Each structure stands twice: as C-alpha cells, then as structure tokens.
Amino acid sequence: MELEDTIVAVLKTIHDPEIPVDIYELGLIYEVKIDKEFNVEIEMTLTSPNCPVAETMPKEVEDKVAYILGVKSATVNIVFDPPWTKDMMSEEAQLELGFM
C-alpha cells in the first residue's frame, strides 16, 4: 500500500461529529501533498466556518497522519475556497445521508 493510500485510510477513520460520514467521503479533504522527505500537507475545509470542531478536527487530522509510519510531519491548512457543498460528497456518502 502506498503512503497516500495509507493516509486516505486514516482520514476515513475521522468523522464529522454532526454527520455520520468520514471526512474523506464528505469531500472535506481537498488535497494531500507528500514531499520527498515525507512531510505531508493536507488542504481541507469544514462544512461551515462556524463548525463546532473547527479547533479540534484539524489537530486530530494532523496527529493521526503524523503517527503513520514513514510520515515525517503533517500539516493541515484549512481553506474555505472553494466553499464546501453537499455536491462534494462521494456517491457513497450521499446515499448514506439520503441525498440520492
């Protein structure tokens, strides 16, 4: 399994507390970048700027990704452009939440 696949698998263990779907399937992860020294940078968003986990979720993502064997460091950048919409969810997430 490649490092990026492992990172995605770990991201799929983190759930938005208000929505019973993981943050990856919700479409909150915009980009995962891994440099040659295995520093990981993740661009993610939240379902809203006022999200109750705005303080804790990025830290949880950083901590869990940094703990992966082979990762030197993990940084999360929160972005709100483009803003998150339910259209960014995977089909699986949309089905689970009754949007399809």
N, C-alpha and C. Protein backbone atom coordinates (compact mmCIF):
# COMPACT_ATOMS: atom_id res chain seq x y z
N MET A 1 0.85 -1.19 0.00
CA MET A 1 0.00 0.00 0.00
C MET A 1 0.90 1.25 0.00
N GLU A 2 0.61 2.16 -0.88
CA GLU A 2 1.40 3.39 -0.94
C GLU A 2 1.05 4.28 0.23
N LEU A 3 1.97 5.20 0.54
CA LEU A 3 1.77 6.10 1.67
C LEU A 3 0.49 6.91 1.53
N GLU A 4 0.20 7.40 0.32
CA GLU A 4 -1.02 8.19 0.14
C GLU A 4 -2.26 7.36 0.44
N ASP A 5 -2.25 6.07 0.03
CA ASP A 5 -3.39 5.19 0.32
C ASP A 5 -3.56 5.01 1.82
N THR A 6 -2.44 4.88 2.53
CA THR A 6 -2.48 4.73 3.99
C THR A 6 -3.05 6.00 4.63
N ILE A 7 -2.62 7.16 4.13
CA ILE A 7 -3.13 8.43 4.66
C ILE A 7 -4.64 8.52 4.45
N VAL A 8 -5.10 8.18 3.25
CA VAL A 8 -6.54 8.22 2.96
C VAL A 8 -7.29 7.26 3.89
N ALA A 9 -6.72 6.07 4.12
CA ALA A 9 -7.37 5.10 5.01
C ALA A 9 -7.50 5.67 6.42
N VAL A 10 -6.48 6.39 6.88
CA VAL A 10 -6.54 7.01 8.21
C VAL A 10 -7.56 8.15 8.21
N LEU A 11 -7.59 8.96 7.14
CA LEU A 11 -8.57 10.05 7.06
C LEU A 11 -10.00 9.51 7.12
N LYS A 12 -10.20 8.31 6.59
CA LYS A 12 -11.54 7.71 6.59
C LYS A 12 -11.96 7.22 7.98
N THR A 13 -11.04 7.30 8.97
CA THR A 13 -11.41 6.93 10.35
C THR A 13 -11.87 8.15 11.14
N ILE A 14 -11.79 9.34 10.55
CA ILE A 14 -12.15 10.58 11.24
C ILE A 14 -13.52 11.02 10.74
N HIS A 15 -14.43 11.23 11.67
CA HIS A 15 -15.81 11.57 11.31
C HIS A 15 -16.17 12.96 11.79
N ASP A 16 -16.99 13.62 11.01
CA ASP A 16 -17.61 14.87 11.42
C ASP A 16 -18.62 14.49 12.51
N PRO A 17 -18.57 15.12 13.68
CA PRO A 17 -19.46 14.69 14.77
C PRO A 17 -20.94 14.92 14.48
N GLU A 18 -21.26 15.81 13.56
CA GLU A 18 -22.67 16.10 13.28
C GLU A 18 -23.23 15.27 12.14
N ILE A 19 -22.34 14.64 11.36
CA ILE A 19 -22.76 13.87 10.18
C ILE A 19 -22.09 12.50 10.27
N PRO A 20 -22.83 11.41 10.18
CA PRO A 20 -22.25 10.08 10.39
C PRO A 20 -21.45 9.55 9.18
N VAL A 21 -20.60 10.39 8.62
CA VAL A 21 -19.79 10.01 7.46
C VAL A 21 -18.38 10.54 7.70
N ASP A 22 -17.38 9.80 7.21
CA ASP A 22 -16.00 10.24 7.44
C ASP A 22 -15.66 11.48 6.59
N ILE A 23 -14.63 12.20 7.03
CA ILE A 23 -14.30 13.49 6.40
C ILE A 23 -13.83 13.34 4.96
N TYR A 24 -13.28 12.17 4.61
CA TYR A 24 -12.82 11.96 3.23
C TYR A 24 -14.02 11.80 2.30
N GLU A 25 -14.97 10.96 2.69
CA GLU A 25 -16.16 10.73 1.86
C GLU A 25 -17.04 11.97 1.82
N LEU A 26 -16.98 12.79 2.87
CA LEU A 26 -17.74 14.04 2.89
C LEU A 26 -17.19 15.06 1.89
N GLY A 27 -15.96 14.85 1.43
CA GLY A 27 -15.36 15.79 0.49
C GLY A 27 -14.66 16.95 1.19
N LEU A 28 -14.35 16.78 2.47
CA LEU A 28 -13.69 17.86 3.21
C LEU A 28 -12.18 17.91 2.93
N ILE A 29 -11.63 16.83 2.39
CA ILE A 29 -10.20 16.80 2.06
C ILE A 29 -10.04 17.22 0.61
N TYR A 30 -9.41 18.37 0.39
CA TYR A 30 -9.22 18.88 -0.97
C TYR A 30 -7.94 18.34 -1.61
N GLU A 31 -6.87 18.22 -0.82
CA GLU A 31 -5.61 17.78 -1.41
C GLU A 31 -4.70 17.19 -0.33
N VAL A 32 -3.96 16.14 -0.72
CA VAL A 32 -2.93 15.55 0.13
C VAL A 32 -1.63 15.64 -0.66
N LYS A 33 -0.65 16.38 -0.12
CA LYS A 33 0.65 16.51 -0.78
C LYS A 33 1.71 15.87 0.09
N ILE A 34 2.59 15.10 -0.55
CA ILE A 34 3.69 14.45 0.17
C ILE A 34 4.98 14.85 -0.54
N ASP A 35 5.90 15.48 0.19
CA ASP A 35 7.16 15.85 -0.46
C ASP A 35 8.18 14.70 -0.37
N LYS A 36 9.37 14.92 -0.94
CA LYS A 36 10.39 13.86 -1.00
C LYS A 36 10.86 13.40 0.37
N GLU A 37 10.71 14.26 1.37
CA GLU A 37 11.14 13.91 2.73
C GLU A 37 9.99 13.37 3.57
N PHE A 38 8.85 13.12 2.92
CA PHE A 38 7.66 12.54 3.57
C PHE A 38 7.01 13.48 4.57
N ASN A 39 7.10 14.78 4.30
CA ASN A 39 6.30 15.76 5.02
C ASN A 39 4.96 15.81 4.29
N VAL A 40 3.89 15.73 5.04
CA VAL A 40 2.55 15.68 4.46
C VAL A 40 1.85 17.01 4.72
N GLU A 41 1.26 17.55 3.67
CA GLU A 41 0.47 18.77 3.79
C GLU A 41 -0.93 18.45 3.27
N ILE A 42 -1.93 18.75 4.08
CA ILE A 42 -3.31 18.44 3.73
C ILE A 42 -4.10 19.73 3.67
N GLU A 43 -4.78 19.94 2.54
CA GLU A 43 -5.72 21.05 2.44
C GLU A 43 -7.10 20.48 2.68
N MET A 44 -7.76 21.06 3.66
CA MET A 44 -9.11 20.58 3.95
C MET A 44 -10.00 21.77 4.28
N THR A 45 -11.28 21.51 4.27
CA THR A 45 -12.25 22.53 4.62
C THR A 45 -13.14 21.96 5.71
N LEU A 46 -14.07 22.76 6.16
CA LEU A 46 -15.07 22.32 7.13
C LEU A 46 -16.43 22.54 6.49
N THR A 47 -17.45 21.89 7.03
CA THR A 47 -18.78 22.04 6.44
C THR A 47 -19.27 23.47 6.55
N SER A 48 -18.76 24.22 7.53
CA SER A 48 -19.05 25.65 7.63
C SER A 48 -17.95 26.31 8.45
N PRO A 49 -17.71 27.61 8.24
CA PRO A 49 -16.69 28.31 9.02
C PRO A 49 -16.99 28.29 10.52
N ASN A 50 -18.25 28.12 10.89
CA ASN A 50 -18.64 28.10 12.30
C ASN A 50 -18.73 26.68 12.86
N CYS A 51 -18.16 25.74 12.15
CA CYS A 51 -18.20 24.33 12.54
C CYS A 51 -17.70 24.18 13.99
N PRO A 52 -18.46 23.45 14.83
CA PRO A 52 -18.06 23.32 16.24
C PRO A 52 -16.71 22.63 16.45
N VAL A 53 -16.23 21.89 15.46
CA VAL A 53 -14.94 21.20 15.62
C VAL A 53 -13.81 21.91 14.86
N ALA A 54 -14.02 23.18 14.52
CA ALA A 54 -13.00 23.94 13.78
C ALA A 54 -11.66 23.96 14.51
N GLU A 55 -11.70 23.92 15.83
CA GLU A 55 -10.46 23.93 16.61
C GLU A 55 -9.84 22.54 16.72
N THR A 56 -10.67 21.52 16.88
CA THR A 56 -10.14 20.20 17.21
C THR A 56 -9.92 19.28 16.02
N MET A 57 -10.76 19.36 15.00
CA MET A 57 -10.64 18.42 13.88
C MET A 57 -9.31 18.55 13.12
N PRO A 58 -8.86 19.75 12.76
CA PRO A 58 -7.56 19.84 12.07
C PRO A 58 -6.42 19.24 12.89
N LYS A 59 -6.45 19.43 14.20
CA LYS A 59 -5.42 18.86 15.07
C LYS A 59 -5.51 17.34 15.07
N GLU A 60 -6.73 16.82 15.11
CA GLU A 60 -6.90 15.36 15.07
C GLU A 60 -6.35 14.79 13.76
N VAL A 61 -6.63 15.47 12.64
CA VAL A 61 -6.11 15.03 11.34
C VAL A 61 -4.58 15.05 11.36
N GLU A 62 -3.99 16.16 11.81
CA GLU A 62 -2.52 16.26 11.88
C GLU A 62 -1.94 15.14 12.74
N ASP A 63 -2.51 14.94 13.92
CA ASP A 63 -1.97 13.94 14.85
C ASP A 63 -2.04 12.54 14.27
N LYS A 64 -3.18 12.18 13.70
CA LYS A 64 -3.34 10.82 13.17
C LYS A 64 -2.46 10.58 11.95
N VAL A 65 -2.32 11.57 11.08
CA VAL A 65 -1.48 11.40 9.89
C VAL A 65 0.00 11.38 10.30
N ALA A 66 0.39 12.23 11.24
CA ALA A 66 1.79 12.28 11.70
C ALA A 66 2.21 10.95 12.34
N TYR A 67 1.25 10.22 12.88
CA TYR A 67 1.52 8.95 13.56
C TYR A 67 1.78 7.80 12.58
N ILE A 68 1.44 7.99 11.30
CA ILE A 68 1.62 6.93 10.30
C ILE A 68 3.11 6.67 10.09
N LEU A 69 3.47 5.40 10.08
CA LEU A 69 4.86 5.00 9.86
C LEU A 69 5.35 5.54 8.53
N GLY A 70 6.46 6.26 8.54
CA GLY A 70 7.02 6.81 7.31
C GLY A 70 6.73 8.29 7.12
N VAL A 71 5.75 8.83 7.82
CA VAL A 71 5.44 10.25 7.71
C VAL A 71 6.36 11.02 8.64
N LYS A 72 7.07 12.01 8.09
CA LYS A 72 7.98 12.83 8.91
C LYS A 72 7.21 13.90 9.68
N SER A 73 6.28 14.59 9.00
CA SER A 73 5.47 15.60 9.67
C SER A 73 4.14 15.73 8.92
N ALA A 74 3.16 16.30 9.60
CA ALA A 74 1.85 16.51 8.97
C ALA A 74 1.35 17.90 9.33
N THR A 75 0.88 18.61 8.31
CA THR A 75 0.34 19.94 8.49
C THR A 75 -1.01 20.00 7.80
N VAL A 76 -1.98 20.63 8.47
CA VAL A 76 -3.31 20.82 7.88
C VAL A 76 -3.51 22.30 7.65
N ASN A 77 -3.90 22.63 6.43
CA ASN A 77 -4.28 24.00 6.10
C ASN A 77 -5.78 24.01 5.87
N ILE A 78 -6.49 24.83 6.65
CA ILE A 78 -7.94 24.96 6.48
C ILE A 78 -8.20 26.04 5.44
N VAL A 79 -8.99 25.68 4.43
CA VAL A 79 -9.35 26.63 3.38
C VAL A 79 -10.87 26.66 3.23
N PHE A 80 -11.39 27.79 2.83
CA PHE A 80 -12.84 27.90 2.59
C PHE A 80 -13.13 28.30 1.15
N ASP A 81 -12.12 28.15 0.29
CA ASP A 81 -12.29 28.46 -1.13
C ASP A 81 -11.76 27.29 -1.93
N PRO A 82 -12.55 26.54 -2.62
CA PRO A 82 -14.00 26.75 -2.79
C PRO A 82 -14.76 26.33 -1.54
N PRO A 83 -15.90 26.97 -1.28
CA PRO A 83 -16.70 26.57 -0.12
C PRO A 83 -17.26 25.16 -0.31
N TRP A 84 -17.36 24.44 0.79
CA TRP A 84 -17.89 23.08 0.75
C TRP A 84 -19.39 23.10 0.45
N THR A 85 -19.80 22.15 -0.41
CA THR A 85 -21.23 21.93 -0.64
C THR A 85 -21.47 20.42 -0.61
N LYS A 86 -22.72 20.03 -0.47
CA LYS A 86 -23.02 18.60 -0.41
C LYS A 86 -22.67 17.88 -1.71
N ASP A 87 -22.50 18.63 -2.80
CA ASP A 87 -22.11 18.03 -4.08
C ASP A 87 -20.68 17.47 -4.04
N MET A 88 -19.90 17.88 -3.06
CA MET A 88 -18.51 17.40 -2.95
C MET A 88 -18.43 16.03 -2.28
N MET A 89 -19.55 15.56 -1.73
CA MET A 89 -19.56 14.25 -1.09
C MET A 89 -19.47 13.15 -2.14
N SER A 90 -18.87 12.04 -1.74
CA SER A 90 -18.85 10.88 -2.62
C SER A 90 -20.28 10.37 -2.79
N GLU A 91 -20.49 9.58 -3.82
CA GLU A 91 -21.82 8.98 -4.03
C GLU A 91 -22.21 8.14 -2.82
N GLU A 92 -21.21 7.45 -2.25
CA GLU A 92 -21.44 6.61 -1.08
C GLU A 92 -21.98 7.45 0.09
N ALA A 93 -21.37 8.61 0.31
CA ALA A 93 -21.82 9.49 1.40
C ALA A 93 -23.21 10.05 1.11
N GLN A 94 -23.45 10.44 -0.13
CA GLN A 94 -24.76 10.98 -0.50
C GLN A 94 -25.85 9.93 -0.31
N LEU A 95 -25.55 8.69 -0.68
CA LEU A 95 -26.51 7.59 -0.49
C LEU A 95 -26.77 7.39 1.00
N GLU A 96 -25.70 7.36 1.79
CA GLU A 96 -25.82 7.11 3.22
C GLU A 96 -26.66 8.17 3.92
N LEU A 97 -26.55 9.41 3.44
CA LEU A 97 -27.27 10.51 4.07
C LEU A 97 -28.62 10.80 3.39
N GLY A 98 -28.98 9.98 2.38
CA GLY A 98 -30.27 10.11 1.76
C GLY A 98 -30.40 11.23 0.74
N PHE A 99 -29.28 11.65 0.16
CA PHE A 99 -29.32 12.71 -0.86
C PHE A 99 -29.52 12.15 -2.26
N MET A 100 -29.51 10.81 -2.40
CA MET A 100 -29.67 10.22 -3.74
C MET A 100 -30.84 9.24 -3.69
